Protein backbone atom coordinates (compact mmCIF):
# COMPACT_ATOMS: atom_id res chain seq x y z
CA MET A 1 127.58 91.34 99.95
CA SER A 2 124.31 93.25 99.72
CA VAL A 3 120.54 92.04 99.37
CA GLU A 4 118.48 93.60 96.28
CA TRP A 5 115.73 93.29 93.87
CA ALA A 6 114.29 95.04 91.03
CA ALA A 7 110.81 95.06 89.59
CA PRO A 8 107.90 96.74 88.36
CA ALA A 9 105.91 98.75 91.69
CA VAL A 10 103.13 101.51 92.55
CA VAL A 11 104.65 104.37 94.11
CA LEU A 12 102.28 104.67 97.42
CA SER A 13 103.64 107.37 99.11
CA ALA A 14 106.77 109.66 99.25
CA ARG A 15 107.58 111.24 102.53
CA PRO A 16 110.67 114.23 103.14
CA TYR A 17 113.53 112.77 105.10
CA GLY A 18 116.47 114.62 105.75
CA GLU A 19 118.00 117.22 103.09
CA GLY A 20 116.51 116.75 100.32
CA GLY A 21 115.43 112.54 100.51
CA VAL A 22 112.63 110.92 100.96
CA VAL A 23 111.42 107.71 102.53
CA ALA A 24 109.16 106.04 99.42
CA THR A 25 106.34 103.52 99.80
CA VAL A 26 106.19 101.16 96.85
CA LEU A 27 103.84 97.90 96.07
CA THR A 28 105.66 94.96 93.91
CA GLU A 29 104.05 91.82 93.36
CA ALA A 30 106.63 89.97 95.05
CA GLN A 31 107.81 92.18 97.40
CA GLY A 32 104.70 93.40 98.68
CA ARG A 33 104.25 97.18 100.06
CA HIS A 34 108.36 97.95 100.32
CA PRO A 35 109.61 101.24 101.97
CA GLY A 36 113.40 102.59 100.74
CA LEU A 37 115.23 105.72 101.25
CA VAL A 38 115.38 107.65 98.12
CA ARG A 39 118.39 109.87 98.40
CA GLY A 40 117.79 113.33 96.62
CA GLY A 41 114.21 112.09 95.87
CA ALA A 42 112.80 115.77 96.73
CA SER A 43 115.09 117.21 94.28
CA ARG A 44 113.85 119.00 90.96
CA GLY A 45 114.78 115.82 89.21
CA GLN A 46 113.35 113.24 91.13
CA ALA A 47 110.22 114.77 92.75
CA ALA A 48 107.59 114.20 89.82
CA LEU A 49 109.16 110.33 89.67
CA TRP A 50 107.79 109.75 93.62
CA GLN A 51 104.47 111.33 93.08
CA THR A 52 101.68 108.79 94.45
CA GLY A 53 100.10 106.29 91.91
CA ASN A 54 102.75 105.88 89.36
CA LEU A 55 104.19 103.19 87.75
CA ILE A 56 107.80 102.92 87.84
CA GLU A 57 110.70 100.65 87.54
CA ALA A 58 112.06 100.12 90.98
CA ARG A 59 115.39 98.95 92.23
CA TRP A 60 115.78 98.57 96.06
CA VAL A 61 119.44 98.04 97.75
CA ALA A 62 120.53 96.94 101.47
CA ARG A 63 123.17 95.56 103.39
CA LEU A 64 120.86 93.20 105.33
CA ALA A 65 117.28 92.51 104.45
CA ASP A 66 115.85 94.34 107.29
CA GLN A 67 117.31 97.71 106.67
CA LEU A 68 115.26 100.46 105.10
CA GLY A 69 117.72 100.22 101.92
CA ALA A 70 118.47 102.50 99.27
CA LEU A 71 115.42 102.56 96.69
CA SER A 72 115.61 104.26 92.85
CA GLY A 73 113.74 104.05 90.23
CA GLU A 74 112.68 105.06 86.40
CA MET A 75 109.21 106.28 85.01
CA VAL A 76 107.13 103.52 83.34
CA HIS A 77 103.78 105.78 83.29
CA ALA A 78 103.20 108.89 85.22
CA ALA A 79 100.03 108.24 86.39
CA ALA A 80 100.02 111.58 88.80
CA ALA A 81 100.65 113.91 86.20
CA LEU A 82 97.92 112.50 84.14
CA ALA A 83 95.34 112.50 87.07
CA MET A 84 95.94 116.16 87.54
CA GLU A 85 93.67 116.87 84.83
CA ASP A 86 90.36 115.80 86.70
CA ALA A 87 89.75 116.05 90.48
CA LEU A 88 88.05 113.04 91.03
CA SER A 89 90.61 110.91 88.96
CA LEU A 90 93.29 112.34 91.25
CA ALA A 91 91.01 111.52 94.48
CA THR A 92 90.40 108.01 92.93
CA LEU A 93 94.31 107.56 92.29
CA ALA A 94 95.36 108.81 95.74
CA GLY A 95 92.83 106.97 97.45
CA ALA A 96 93.54 103.52 96.29
CA CYS A 97 96.83 104.29 97.25
CA ALA A 98 95.85 105.20 100.48
CA VAL A 99 94.21 102.09 101.05
CA ALA A 100 97.00 99.52 99.87
CA GLU A 101 99.33 101.71 102.25
CA GLY A 102 97.48 101.40 105.28
CA ALA A 103 95.64 98.04 104.88
CA LEU A 104 98.73 95.62 103.45
CA PRO A 105 101.74 94.34 105.78
CA GLU A 106 104.78 95.73 104.85
CA ARG A 107 107.13 93.28 102.86
CA GLU A 108 104.19 90.72 102.31
CA ALA A 109 103.29 89.70 98.72
CA HIS A 110 99.91 90.30 97.86
CA PRO A 111 100.14 89.66 93.81
CA ALA A 112 96.32 89.87 93.18
CA VAL A 113 96.23 92.83 94.70
CA PHE A 114 99.15 94.21 93.03
CA HIS A 115 97.80 93.50 89.61
CA GLY A 116 94.32 94.73 90.40
CA LEU A 117 95.72 97.95 91.60
CA VAL A 118 97.87 98.42 88.30
CA SER A 119 94.11 97.68 86.42
CA VAL A 120 92.92 100.77 88.48
CA ILE A 121 95.53 102.88 87.29
CA ALA A 122 95.35 101.91 83.96
CA GLY A 123 91.72 102.22 84.06
CA LEU A 124 92.04 106.03 84.84
CA ALA A 125 93.42 106.24 81.44
CA ARG A 126 90.38 105.76 80.34
CA GLY A 127 87.89 107.84 83.10
CA THR A 128 86.62 107.61 86.07
CA ASP A 129 83.75 105.70 84.90
CA THR A 130 85.75 102.93 83.92
CA ALA A 131 88.23 103.33 86.93
CA LEU A 132 85.54 103.48 89.88
CA PRO A 133 84.45 100.43 89.33
CA LEU A 134 87.16 98.50 89.23
CA LEU A 135 88.46 100.61 92.16
CA VAL A 136 85.28 98.86 94.10
CA ARG A 137 85.96 95.68 92.64
CA TRP A 138 89.87 95.80 93.83
CA GLU A 139 88.56 97.01 97.18
CA ALA A 140 86.49 93.95 98.03
CA LEU A 141 89.44 91.75 96.43
CA LEU A 142 92.04 93.26 98.86
CA LEU A 143 89.48 92.55 101.89
CA ALA A 144 89.36 88.87 100.52
CA ASP A 145 93.24 88.58 100.31
CA LEU A 146 93.45 90.02 103.90
CA GLY A 147 90.88 87.10 105.18
CA TYR A 148 87.97 89.54 105.29
CA GLY A 149 86.34 88.60 102.06
CA LEU A 150 82.25 89.74 101.44
CA ASP A 151 80.06 86.24 100.53
CA LEU A 152 77.85 87.90 97.72
CA GLU A 153 76.72 84.49 96.14
CA SER A 154 73.57 83.88 97.84
CA CYS A 155 71.23 85.50 100.55
CA ALA A 156 71.95 85.07 103.82
CA ALA A 157 68.33 84.70 104.71
CA THR A 158 67.09 82.33 102.32
CA GLY A 159 70.04 81.26 100.07
CA ALA A 160 68.09 82.42 96.79
CA ARG A 161 71.38 83.37 94.28
CA GLU A 162 68.66 86.22 92.54
CA GLY A 163 67.96 89.41 93.31
CA LEU A 164 70.37 90.23 95.80
CA GLU A 165 70.45 93.73 96.01
CA TRP A 166 71.85 94.41 99.94
CA VAL A 167 74.67 93.34 102.33
CA SER A 168 74.21 92.96 105.84
CA PRO A 169 76.76 94.93 107.40
CA ARG A 170 77.37 92.52 110.40
CA SER A 171 78.01 89.47 108.55
CA GLY A 172 78.98 90.77 105.04
CA ARG A 173 77.05 88.49 103.02
CA ALA A 174 74.30 89.25 100.55
CA VAL A 175 70.58 89.96 100.99
CA SER A 176 67.97 89.35 98.44
CA ALA A 177 65.58 92.49 97.77
CA GLU A 178 62.61 90.49 99.50
CA ALA A 179 64.40 89.53 102.58
CA GLY A 180 65.85 92.71 102.95
CA ALA A 181 62.84 94.91 102.98
CA PRO A 182 62.20 95.16 106.87
CA TYR A 183 65.55 95.93 107.06
CA ALA A 184 66.54 98.50 104.08
CA ASP A 185 67.58 101.06 106.48
CA ARG A 186 69.99 99.04 108.00
CA LEU A 187 71.57 97.29 104.72
CA LEU A 188 74.40 98.28 102.49
CA ARG A 189 73.35 98.53 98.65
CA LEU A 190 75.05 95.72 96.46
CA PRO A 191 75.39 97.49 92.96
CA ALA A 192 75.01 94.91 90.35
CA PHE A 193 78.60 95.46 88.88
CA LEU A 194 80.14 94.19 92.12
CA ARG A 195 78.68 90.26 91.65
CA GLU A 196 78.57 91.05 87.54
CA PRO A 197 81.50 92.59 86.07
CA ASP A 198 79.91 93.35 82.38
CA ALA A 199 76.80 95.05 84.44
CA PRO A 200 76.40 98.31 83.78
CA SER A 201 76.96 100.80 86.22
CA THR A 202 75.94 104.76 87.08
CA ALA A 203 77.82 107.17 89.43
CA GLY A 204 75.17 106.41 91.91
CA ASP A 205 76.13 102.91 91.99
CA TRP A 206 80.06 103.49 92.16
CA LEU A 207 79.52 105.51 95.73
CA ALA A 208 76.61 102.63 96.79
CA GLY A 209 80.20 100.34 95.94
CA LEU A 210 82.27 102.88 98.05
CA ARG A 211 80.04 103.02 100.79
CA LEU A 212 79.84 98.82 100.73
CA THR A 213 83.63 98.37 100.43
CA GLY A 214 84.69 101.40 102.63
CA PHE A 215 82.62 99.98 105.67
CA PHE A 216 84.48 97.05 105.78
CA LEU A 217 87.75 98.29 105.24
CA ALA A 218 87.12 100.42 107.77
CA ARG A 219 85.95 98.10 110.17
CA ASP A 220 88.03 94.87 109.58
CA ALA A 221 91.39 96.00 107.47
CA PHE A 222 91.61 99.35 109.92
CA GLY A 223 89.27 99.08 112.69
CA LEU A 224 91.42 96.41 113.78
CA GLN A 225 94.58 98.19 113.71
CA HIS A 226 92.77 100.82 115.44
CA ARG A 227 92.76 103.50 112.74
CA PRO A 228 90.56 105.10 110.89
CA LEU A 229 89.80 104.86 106.99
CA PRO A 230 92.80 106.90 105.53
CA PRO A 231 91.75 110.38 104.68
CA ALA A 232 92.29 110.06 101.31
CA ARG A 233 90.09 107.19 100.87
CA GLN A 234 87.38 109.18 102.63
CA ALA A 235 87.54 112.27 100.39
CA LEU A 236 87.38 110.30 97.74
CA GLU A 237 83.58 108.98 98.46
CA SER A 238 82.88 112.73 100.05
CA ARG A 239 83.77 114.16 96.43
CA LEU A 240 81.84 111.57 94.49
CA ALA A 241 78.46 112.26 96.75
CA ASP A 242 78.84 115.87 96.53
CA GLN A 243 79.24 115.63 92.75
CA LEU A 244 75.81 113.43 92.99
CA SER A 245 74.60 115.84 95.77
CA VAL A 246 74.12 112.42 97.84
CA THR A 247 74.48 113.08 101.60
CA HIS A 248 75.99 110.28 103.51
CA PRO A 249 73.28 107.27 105.14
CA PRO A 250 73.76 107.23 108.99
CA THR A 251 75.66 104.91 110.62
CA HIS A 252 74.52 101.25 110.18
CA GLN A 253 73.61 99.91 113.65
CA GLY A 254 72.07 96.37 112.95
CA SER A 255 71.44 93.88 110.11
CA PRO A 256 69.34 91.20 109.62
CA ASP A 257 69.71 87.56 111.09
CA ALA A 258 72.59 86.21 108.76
CA ARG A 259 72.19 82.09 108.67
């Protein structure tokens, strides 16, 4: 008797194991972040399948539910190969998968996070101008799903719902342009597309969004694990900043009084 499941999955990582094998970690709707042993996964015939970001049809089998188990799969969408054509696309794909692998608990379902990641990967087929806003919104969704959601509905200081341009790094609450003006050097910029999905955005907005969600991912999702933001996610932000010739802002030390 065995335990098994089969489901669409995103490949988050694959690490060498033994002679020719890999331990792959995938993300599925119902099984969450789930590892498995892929026998021959490093072989010429299988290596391309287990590249980070690929969408596959995965099958996992084990004798007991808590075992590592055996993982196999079939290609659905070769996202990794397509992203190889553009450095920023590849960095976006790697950064997103690294965040999912590092932040999500093992074998715990987070269906909204799964579907959001699939949307980011699908967006890459239309370019980074589509995928990067999706990625920032997905990171905000992931934070909320883990219990660290940002409150972007009204100003922390005045209660206003219009003119929100900042986020307090202390409370994770939005701050209006007027209330935040005296503290602007200590606040995180809130790009409009994060509150209004249809709002137009520029590369500068995407970078502001990455810095915003990255701050809270580093402090909460990863900081509480005593781990830094994954290098691949840091590299994505750095690559976009380099492309814009923008230097990183100083570490935020304070915030307005969030009421």
